[in-house]
Amino acid sequence: MKVAGQPTRTIWLEPDGATVGIIDQTKLPHELVKVQLHNLDEAAHAIRAMLVRGAPLIGAAAGYGVALAMRADASDAGLAKACEILLATRPTAVNLRWAIEDMQRVLTPLPPAQRLAAAYARAAAICDEDVAINHAIATAGLPLIEAAWAKKKQQGVVEVLTHCNAGWLAAVDWGMSLAPIYMAHDKGIPVHVWVDETRPRNQGASLSAWELGQHGVPHTIIVDNAGGHLMQHGRVDLCIVGTDRTTASGDVANKIGTYLKALAAHDNNVPFYVALPSPTIDWSLTDGVAQIPIEERDPSEVTHITGLTDAGTLATVRLTPEGSAAANYGFDVTPARLVTGLITERGVCAASREGLLSLFPERK
């Protein structure tokens, strides 16, 4: 995807061949700040503090975190410690565990002297594979937007509602829920995106809106509670959201508030799709509500907000009364029964075990 007209990835290897570069997403949309990661601690902080976020990008960053750790200690103990530290950074996104286990699979059989080069090579491959997967998600999801356009007899625009940020900022490139939108836009289909602000971290208002604007996709930011109203009045043709973890039965965990959008879509007969790369499928789980761990983050994300003042400076202000308690649940689970279909790199399927196995028969 593009930033100021230039193709850009969210994570890359600097010219020195050792340092990892990232976009500090906590500074968006007001500043485009690029940060260099030099060691394991910096990589772990970037994931934990959400300088990088989104399930696929978390996995990619974890892969490079292991590589950075091998620069300091490539022993068995060093590898185990690095994986333990990175695994503790974010509990919900399954890509984190997947990437770490993948790095362990590649590195463990090797002697320590060979692990550094192998770690960088595998981390780079994880990034390239993510780009290929998400391009395939765009290709698989494009016909859904084309069908909505055809249903309108190619009049007006296709209205898509999304929640949180599952665009290229949440991946290495292309993204998940926004990937079909970008492809449709690039093919000339008029598409407009309703962007949920997505409190409490405002990843829709700050990240989705920023990247859509950079790529030239028309969009409008709405408060989180406006989606149902738009659906009631026929102003949403389909919803596409992402997911941080999907069970083998098709339940999906995504940013808090996704479940409410799915309920509104179901009540108004609006198709509700979830775009996901296969590494986000947790084949060991069958009941998302009961089994997916839900991250609880710092209450200050609810009680305070940071924005740009009219004077052009960033300021953090309190929204709530002093002393009022705040709960900050990071995710909720949308049951498979509310999901119209899952958009994967292998195609679109029903949100069910049978549907997923039709695309991934090797998991039977």
Protein backbone atom coordinates (compact mmCIF):
# COMPACT_ATOMS: atom_id res chain seq x y z
CA MET A 1 0.00 0.00 0.00
CA LYS A 2 1.04 3.61 -0.37
CA VAL A 3 2.13 6.42 1.93
CA ALA A 4 2.50 9.78 0.20
CA GLY A 5 2.38 7.88 -3.08
CA GLN A 6 5.19 5.49 -2.16
CA PRO A 7 4.73 1.71 -1.61
CA THR A 8 5.37 1.06 2.08
CA ARG A 9 5.55 -1.91 4.43
CA THR A 10 4.99 -1.80 8.17
CA ILE A 11 8.20 -3.64 9.08
CA TRP A 12 11.50 -3.97 7.25
CA LEU A 13 15.19 -4.73 7.64
CA GLU A 14 17.40 -1.66 7.58
CA PRO A 15 20.36 -1.45 5.15
CA ASP A 16 22.78 -2.58 7.87
CA GLY A 17 21.18 -6.03 7.69
CA ALA A 18 20.70 -6.17 11.46
CA THR A 19 18.39 -3.39 12.62
CA VAL A 20 14.63 -3.75 12.19
CA GLY A 21 12.56 -0.75 11.16
CA ILE A 22 8.89 -0.21 12.07
CA ILE A 23 6.26 2.52 11.97
CA ASP A 24 5.38 3.69 15.48
CA GLN A 25 1.60 3.38 15.19
CA THR A 26 1.01 5.09 18.52
CA LYS A 27 2.04 8.35 16.83
CA LEU A 28 -0.44 8.05 13.95
CA PRO A 29 -2.33 9.81 12.47
CA HIS A 30 -0.63 13.03 13.48
CA GLU A 31 2.98 11.98 12.96
CA LEU A 32 4.64 9.38 10.75
CA VAL A 33 7.47 8.21 12.97
CA LYS A 34 9.79 5.36 12.06
CA VAL A 35 11.56 3.52 14.86
CA GLN A 36 14.57 1.21 14.82
CA LEU A 37 14.64 -1.97 16.90
CA HIS A 38 18.10 -3.12 17.92
CA ASN A 39 17.49 -5.89 20.46
CA LEU A 40 14.98 -8.26 22.04
CA ASP A 41 13.82 -5.82 24.71
CA GLU A 42 13.01 -3.15 22.13
CA ALA A 43 11.10 -5.65 20.00
CA ALA A 44 9.11 -6.87 23.01
CA HIS A 45 8.31 -3.30 24.01
CA ALA A 46 7.15 -2.48 20.48
CA ILE A 47 4.64 -5.35 20.64
CA ARG A 48 3.54 -4.80 24.24
CA ALA A 49 3.14 -1.01 23.93
CA MET A 50 1.40 -1.40 20.54
CA LEU A 51 3.93 0.45 18.43
CA VAL A 52 3.14 -2.53 16.22
CA ARG A 53 -0.31 -4.12 16.47
CA GLY A 54 -2.62 -6.35 14.50
CA ALA A 55 -2.28 -10.13 14.61
CA PRO A 56 -0.17 -10.65 11.44
CA LEU A 57 2.20 -7.76 12.20
CA ILE A 58 2.60 -8.93 15.79
CA GLY A 59 3.70 -12.31 14.43
CA ALA A 60 6.14 -10.70 12.00
CA ALA A 61 7.56 -8.50 14.74
CA ALA A 62 7.95 -11.50 17.02
CA GLY A 63 9.88 -13.31 14.29
CA TYR A 64 12.30 -10.43 14.00
CA GLY A 65 12.39 -10.19 17.81
CA VAL A 66 13.78 -13.71 17.94
CA ALA A 67 16.31 -12.78 15.26
CA LEU A 68 17.45 -9.75 17.25
CA ALA A 69 17.75 -11.94 20.35
CA MET A 70 20.06 -14.33 18.49
CA ARG A 71 22.53 -11.47 18.03
CA ALA A 72 23.06 -11.38 21.78
CA ASP A 73 22.67 -15.05 22.73
CA ALA A 74 22.08 -17.85 20.24
CA SER A 75 22.35 -20.63 22.82
CA ASP A 76 19.46 -22.94 23.68
CA ALA A 77 18.89 -20.91 26.84
CA GLY A 78 18.96 -17.66 24.89
CA LEU A 79 16.43 -18.95 22.39
CA ALA A 80 14.12 -20.21 25.13
CA LYS A 81 14.34 -16.92 27.03
CA ALA A 82 13.62 -14.85 23.93
CA CYS A 83 10.55 -16.91 23.09
CA GLU A 84 9.27 -16.71 26.66
CA ILE A 85 9.63 -12.91 26.77
CA LEU A 86 7.94 -12.38 23.42
CA LEU A 87 5.14 -14.82 24.15
CA ALA A 88 4.17 -12.83 27.25
CA THR A 89 3.70 -9.54 25.38
CA ARG A 90 0.12 -10.01 24.02
CA PRO A 91 -2.20 -12.90 25.01
CA THR A 92 -5.03 -12.83 22.46
CA ALA A 93 -3.47 -12.79 18.98
CA VAL A 94 -2.64 -16.38 18.03
CA ASN A 95 -0.17 -15.23 15.35
CA LEU A 96 2.25 -14.34 18.12
CA ARG A 97 2.46 -17.93 19.34
CA TRP A 98 2.42 -19.26 15.78
CA ALA A 99 5.41 -17.13 14.72
CA ILE A 100 7.41 -17.92 17.84
CA GLU A 101 6.81 -21.64 17.50
CA ASP A 102 7.73 -21.40 13.83
CA MET A 103 11.01 -19.69 14.69
CA GLN A 104 11.71 -22.36 17.31
CA ARG A 105 10.99 -25.10 14.78
CA VAL A 106 13.55 -23.66 12.38
CA LEU A 107 16.24 -22.72 14.90
CA THR A 108 16.20 -25.49 17.49
CA PRO A 109 17.79 -28.20 15.28
CA LEU A 110 20.62 -25.86 14.25
CA PRO A 111 23.90 -25.33 16.13
CA PRO A 112 24.06 -21.89 17.79
CA ALA A 113 26.59 -20.62 15.24
CA GLN A 114 24.03 -21.01 12.44
CA ARG A 115 21.00 -19.61 14.23
CA LEU A 116 21.54 -15.89 13.63
CA ALA A 117 21.49 -16.05 9.83
CA ALA A 118 18.68 -18.60 9.85
CA ALA A 119 16.60 -16.42 12.20
CA TYR A 120 16.83 -13.37 9.98
CA ALA A 121 16.04 -15.43 6.90
CA ARG A 122 12.99 -17.04 8.50
CA ALA A 123 11.71 -13.71 9.88
CA ALA A 124 11.98 -12.17 6.42
CA ALA A 125 10.15 -15.17 4.96
CA ILE A 126 7.33 -14.78 7.50
CA CYS A 127 6.91 -11.19 6.31
CA ASP A 128 6.89 -12.13 2.62
CA GLU A 129 4.44 -14.97 3.28
CA ASP A 130 2.13 -12.56 5.10
CA VAL A 131 2.10 -10.21 2.11
CA ALA A 132 1.26 -13.10 -0.23
CA ILE A 133 -1.50 -14.35 2.09
CA ASN A 134 -3.11 -10.94 2.41
CA HIS A 135 -2.95 -10.30 -1.33
CA ALA A 136 -4.79 -13.60 -1.73
CA ILE A 137 -7.38 -12.43 0.84
CA ALA A 138 -7.90 -9.32 -1.29
CA THR A 139 -8.43 -11.51 -4.36
CA ALA A 140 -10.86 -13.79 -2.49
CA GLY A 141 -12.86 -10.90 -1.04
CA LEU A 142 -13.02 -8.79 -4.19
CA PRO A 143 -16.00 -10.74 -5.68
CA LEU A 144 -18.08 -9.83 -2.61
CA ILE A 145 -17.66 -6.15 -3.37
CA GLU A 146 -18.16 -6.77 -7.08
CA ALA A 147 -21.42 -8.58 -6.27
CA ALA A 148 -22.59 -5.67 -4.12
CA TRP A 149 -21.78 -3.31 -7.00
CA ALA A 150 -23.67 -5.50 -9.46
CA LYS A 151 -26.65 -5.65 -7.09
CA LYS A 152 -26.77 -1.86 -7.23
CA LYS A 153 -26.73 -2.12 -11.02
CA GLN A 154 -23.41 -0.28 -10.91
CA GLN A 155 -25.05 2.87 -9.60
CA GLY A 156 -23.84 4.92 -6.65
CA VAL A 157 -21.11 3.43 -4.47
CA VAL A 158 -20.57 0.26 -2.48
CA GLU A 159 -20.83 1.09 1.23
CA VAL A 160 -18.63 -1.04 3.51
CA LEU A 161 -18.53 -0.79 7.28
CA THR A 162 -15.46 -1.93 9.16
CA HIS A 163 -14.38 -1.96 12.80
CA CYS A 164 -10.97 -1.32 14.35
CA ASN A 165 -8.00 -1.55 11.99
CA ALA A 166 -7.35 -4.68 9.96
CA GLY A 167 -5.70 -2.92 7.07
CA TRP A 168 -2.08 -2.97 5.99
CA LEU A 169 -1.02 -1.29 9.23
CA ALA A 170 -2.16 -4.45 11.04
CA ALA A 171 -0.17 -6.66 8.68
CA VAL A 172 3.03 -6.35 6.67
CA ASP A 173 1.15 -5.13 3.58
CA TRP A 174 -2.36 -5.25 2.04
CA GLY A 175 -4.06 -6.16 5.32
CA MET A 176 -7.14 -8.28 5.94
CA SER A 177 -10.54 -6.54 6.09
CA LEU A 178 -9.35 -3.57 4.04
CA ALA A 179 -7.46 -5.67 1.46
CA PRO A 180 -10.52 -6.39 -0.74
CA ILE A 181 -11.49 -2.74 -0.46
CA TYR A 182 -8.09 -1.60 -1.71
CA MET A 183 -8.25 -4.05 -4.60
CA ALA A 184 -11.77 -2.93 -5.52
CA HIS A 185 -10.71 0.72 -5.36
CA ASP A 186 -7.66 0.04 -7.52
CA LYS A 187 -9.89 -1.71 -10.07
CA GLY A 188 -12.14 1.33 -10.33
CA ILE A 189 -15.14 0.15 -8.32
CA PRO A 190 -16.53 3.14 -6.38
CA VAL A 191 -16.33 2.10 -2.75
CA HIS A 192 -16.85 4.12 0.42
CA VAL A 193 -15.87 2.95 3.90
CA TRP A 194 -17.71 3.72 7.12
CA VAL A 195 -14.86 3.75 9.65
CA ASP A 196 -15.83 2.99 13.25
CA GLU A 197 -13.73 5.16 15.55
CA THR A 198 -13.15 2.04 17.71
CA ARG A 199 -12.75 3.25 21.24
CA PRO A 200 -10.87 3.12 23.46
CA ARG A 201 -7.67 3.27 21.38
CA ASN A 202 -9.40 4.75 18.31
CA GLN A 203 -7.64 2.47 15.86
CA GLY A 204 -10.36 3.07 13.30
CA ALA A 205 -10.33 6.86 13.54
CA SER A 206 -6.56 7.10 13.75
CA LEU A 207 -5.22 4.14 11.74
CA SER A 208 -7.87 2.92 9.28
CA ALA A 209 -8.79 6.47 8.32
CA TRP A 210 -5.12 7.43 7.91
CA GLU A 211 -4.19 4.51 5.68
CA LEU A 212 -7.38 4.74 3.61
CA GLY A 213 -6.69 8.42 3.07
CA GLN A 214 -3.08 7.75 2.11
CA HIS A 215 -4.26 5.30 -0.53
CA GLY A 216 -7.05 7.58 -1.75
CA VAL A 217 -10.06 5.50 -0.66
CA PRO A 218 -13.17 7.59 0.21
CA HIS A 219 -14.20 7.09 3.84
CA THR A 220 -16.14 8.64 6.70
CA ILE A 221 -15.36 8.23 10.41
CA ILE A 222 -18.36 7.43 12.62
CA VAL A 223 -18.77 6.94 16.35
CA ASP A 224 -18.87 3.31 17.40
CA ASN A 225 -22.60 3.33 18.10
CA ALA A 226 -23.66 4.71 14.69
CA GLY A 227 -23.29 1.46 12.71
CA GLY A 228 -26.69 0.08 13.63
CA HIS A 229 -28.39 3.32 12.63
CA LEU A 230 -26.71 3.26 9.21
CA MET A 231 -27.73 -0.36 8.68
CA GLN A 232 -31.35 0.39 9.59
CA HIS A 233 -31.43 3.04 6.89
CA GLY A 234 -29.89 0.88 4.17
CA ARG A 235 -26.60 2.72 4.09
CA VAL A 236 -24.35 -0.33 4.59
CA ASP A 237 -24.05 -2.95 1.85
CA LEU A 238 -21.72 -5.25 3.77
CA CYS A 239 -19.47 -5.35 6.81
CA ILE A 240 -15.91 -6.64 6.68
CA VAL A 241 -13.87 -6.91 9.88
CA GLY A 242 -10.68 -8.66 10.88
CA THR A 243 -9.88 -11.07 13.69
CA ASP A 244 -7.03 -11.78 16.07
CA ARG A 245 -8.06 -15.39 16.68
CA THR A 246 -10.59 -17.68 15.02
CA THR A 247 -11.66 -21.02 16.46
CA ALA A 248 -11.94 -24.22 14.46
CA SER A 249 -15.73 -23.80 14.67
CA GLY A 250 -15.72 -20.29 13.16
CA ASP A 251 -16.05 -18.07 16.25
CA VAL A 252 -13.96 -14.91 15.89
CA ALA A 253 -12.24 -12.67 18.43
CA ASN A 254 -11.78 -9.10 17.29
CA LYS A 255 -11.56 -5.64 18.80
CA ILE A 256 -14.18 -4.94 21.45
CA GLY A 257 -17.45 -3.85 19.83
CA THR A 258 -17.30 -6.25 16.89
CA TYR A 259 -19.96 -8.49 18.45
CA LEU A 260 -22.40 -5.56 18.62
CA LYS A 261 -21.82 -4.78 14.94
CA ALA A 262 -22.51 -8.41 14.06
CA LEU A 263 -25.78 -8.31 16.01
CA ALA A 264 -26.87 -5.15 14.21
CA ALA A 265 -25.91 -6.64 10.84
CA HIS A 266 -27.87 -9.81 11.60
CA ASP A 267 -30.94 -7.81 12.60
CA ASN A 268 -30.81 -5.79 9.38
CA ASN A 269 -29.87 -8.59 6.95
CA VAL A 270 -26.51 -6.99 6.18
CA PRO A 271 -23.80 -9.53 5.22
CA PHE A 272 -21.11 -9.70 7.90
CA TYR A 273 -17.75 -11.05 6.74
CA VAL A 274 -14.52 -11.68 8.62
CA ALA A 275 -11.20 -11.54 6.78
CA LEU A 276 -8.43 -13.66 8.22
CA PRO A 277 -5.08 -15.16 7.26
CA SER A 278 -4.93 -18.85 8.15
CA PRO A 279 -2.27 -18.37 10.88
CA THR A 280 -4.99 -16.66 12.95
CA ILE A 281 -7.02 -19.89 13.06
CA ASP A 282 -6.58 -21.67 16.38
CA TRP A 283 -7.46 -25.24 15.47
CA SER A 284 -7.23 -26.31 19.12
CA LEU A 285 -10.29 -24.26 20.16
CA THR A 286 -13.97 -24.92 19.48
CA ASP A 287 -15.79 -22.42 21.73
CA GLY A 288 -14.55 -18.87 21.35
CA VAL A 289 -16.59 -17.34 24.16
CA ALA A 290 -15.40 -19.89 26.69
CA GLN A 291 -11.87 -20.55 25.46
CA ILE A 292 -10.32 -17.44 23.90
CA PRO A 293 -8.43 -15.37 26.51
CA ILE A 294 -9.58 -11.75 26.43
CA GLU A 295 -6.89 -9.20 27.05
CA GLU A 296 -7.66 -6.55 29.65
CA ARG A 297 -5.59 -3.44 29.08
CA ASP A 298 -4.70 -0.39 31.14
CA PRO A 299 -7.84 1.51 32.29
CA SER A 300 -6.13 4.76 31.28
CA GLU A 301 -6.99 3.95 27.67
CA VAL A 302 -10.63 4.40 28.67
CA THR A 303 -10.26 7.31 31.07
CA HIS A 304 -7.89 9.38 28.91
CA ILE A 305 -7.53 10.31 25.25
CA THR A 306 -4.67 11.83 23.26
CA GLY A 307 -5.20 14.17 20.34
CA LEU A 308 -3.88 17.15 18.44
CA THR A 309 -4.79 20.53 19.88
CA ASP A 310 -5.74 23.55 17.76
CA ALA A 311 -2.28 24.86 18.59
CA GLY A 312 -0.74 21.88 16.82
CA THR A 313 0.58 20.05 19.88
CA LEU A 314 -0.30 16.59 21.17
CA ALA A 315 -2.10 16.52 24.50
CA THR A 316 -3.56 13.80 26.70
CA VAL A 317 -6.68 14.68 28.65
CA ARG A 318 -8.93 12.89 31.11
CA LEU A 319 -12.49 12.06 29.98
CA THR A 320 -13.88 10.63 33.19
CA PRO A 321 -14.43 11.81 36.78
CA GLU A 322 -11.42 11.45 39.05
CA GLY A 323 -11.81 8.24 41.04
CA SER A 324 -14.27 6.49 38.71
CA ALA A 325 -13.22 2.95 37.95
CA ALA A 326 -12.82 1.88 34.31
CA ALA A 327 -12.69 -1.57 32.71
CA ASN A 328 -10.80 -2.00 29.45
CA TYR A 329 -11.59 -5.26 27.67
CA GLY A 330 -9.56 -5.36 24.48
CA PHE A 331 -11.61 -7.90 22.50
CA ASP A 332 -14.95 -9.66 22.27
CA VAL A 333 -16.01 -12.86 20.55
CA THR A 334 -18.54 -12.98 17.72
CA PRO A 335 -20.21 -16.42 17.50
CA ALA A 336 -20.03 -18.18 14.15
CA ARG A 337 -23.83 -18.03 13.77
CA LEU A 338 -23.57 -14.26 13.22
CA VAL A 339 -20.82 -14.48 10.58
CA THR A 340 -21.91 -14.66 6.93
CA GLY A 341 -18.57 -15.97 5.77
CA LEU A 342 -14.83 -16.13 6.42
CA ILE A 343 -12.51 -14.60 3.81
CA THR A 344 -9.21 -16.49 3.76
CA GLU A 345 -6.28 -16.73 1.39
CA ARG A 346 -7.83 -19.92 0.00
CA GLY A 347 -11.27 -18.45 -0.63
CA VAL A 348 -14.50 -17.66 1.21
CA CYS A 349 -16.16 -20.29 3.37
CA ALA A 350 -18.93 -20.70 5.92
CA ALA A 351 -18.04 -19.83 9.50
CA SER A 352 -18.05 -23.42 10.69
CA ARG A 353 -15.71 -26.35 11.16
CA GLU A 354 -17.01 -27.87 7.94
CA GLY A 355 -16.51 -24.62 6.10
CA LEU A 356 -12.93 -24.17 7.30
CA LEU A 357 -12.05 -27.80 6.59
CA SER A 358 -13.34 -27.41 3.04
CA LEU A 359 -10.52 -24.93 2.49
CA PHE A 360 -7.97 -26.51 4.81
CA PRO A 361 -8.54 -30.28 4.45
CA GLU A 362 -5.10 -31.03 5.84
CA ARG A 363 -6.50 -30.09 9.26
CA LYS A 364 -8.99 -32.97 9.31
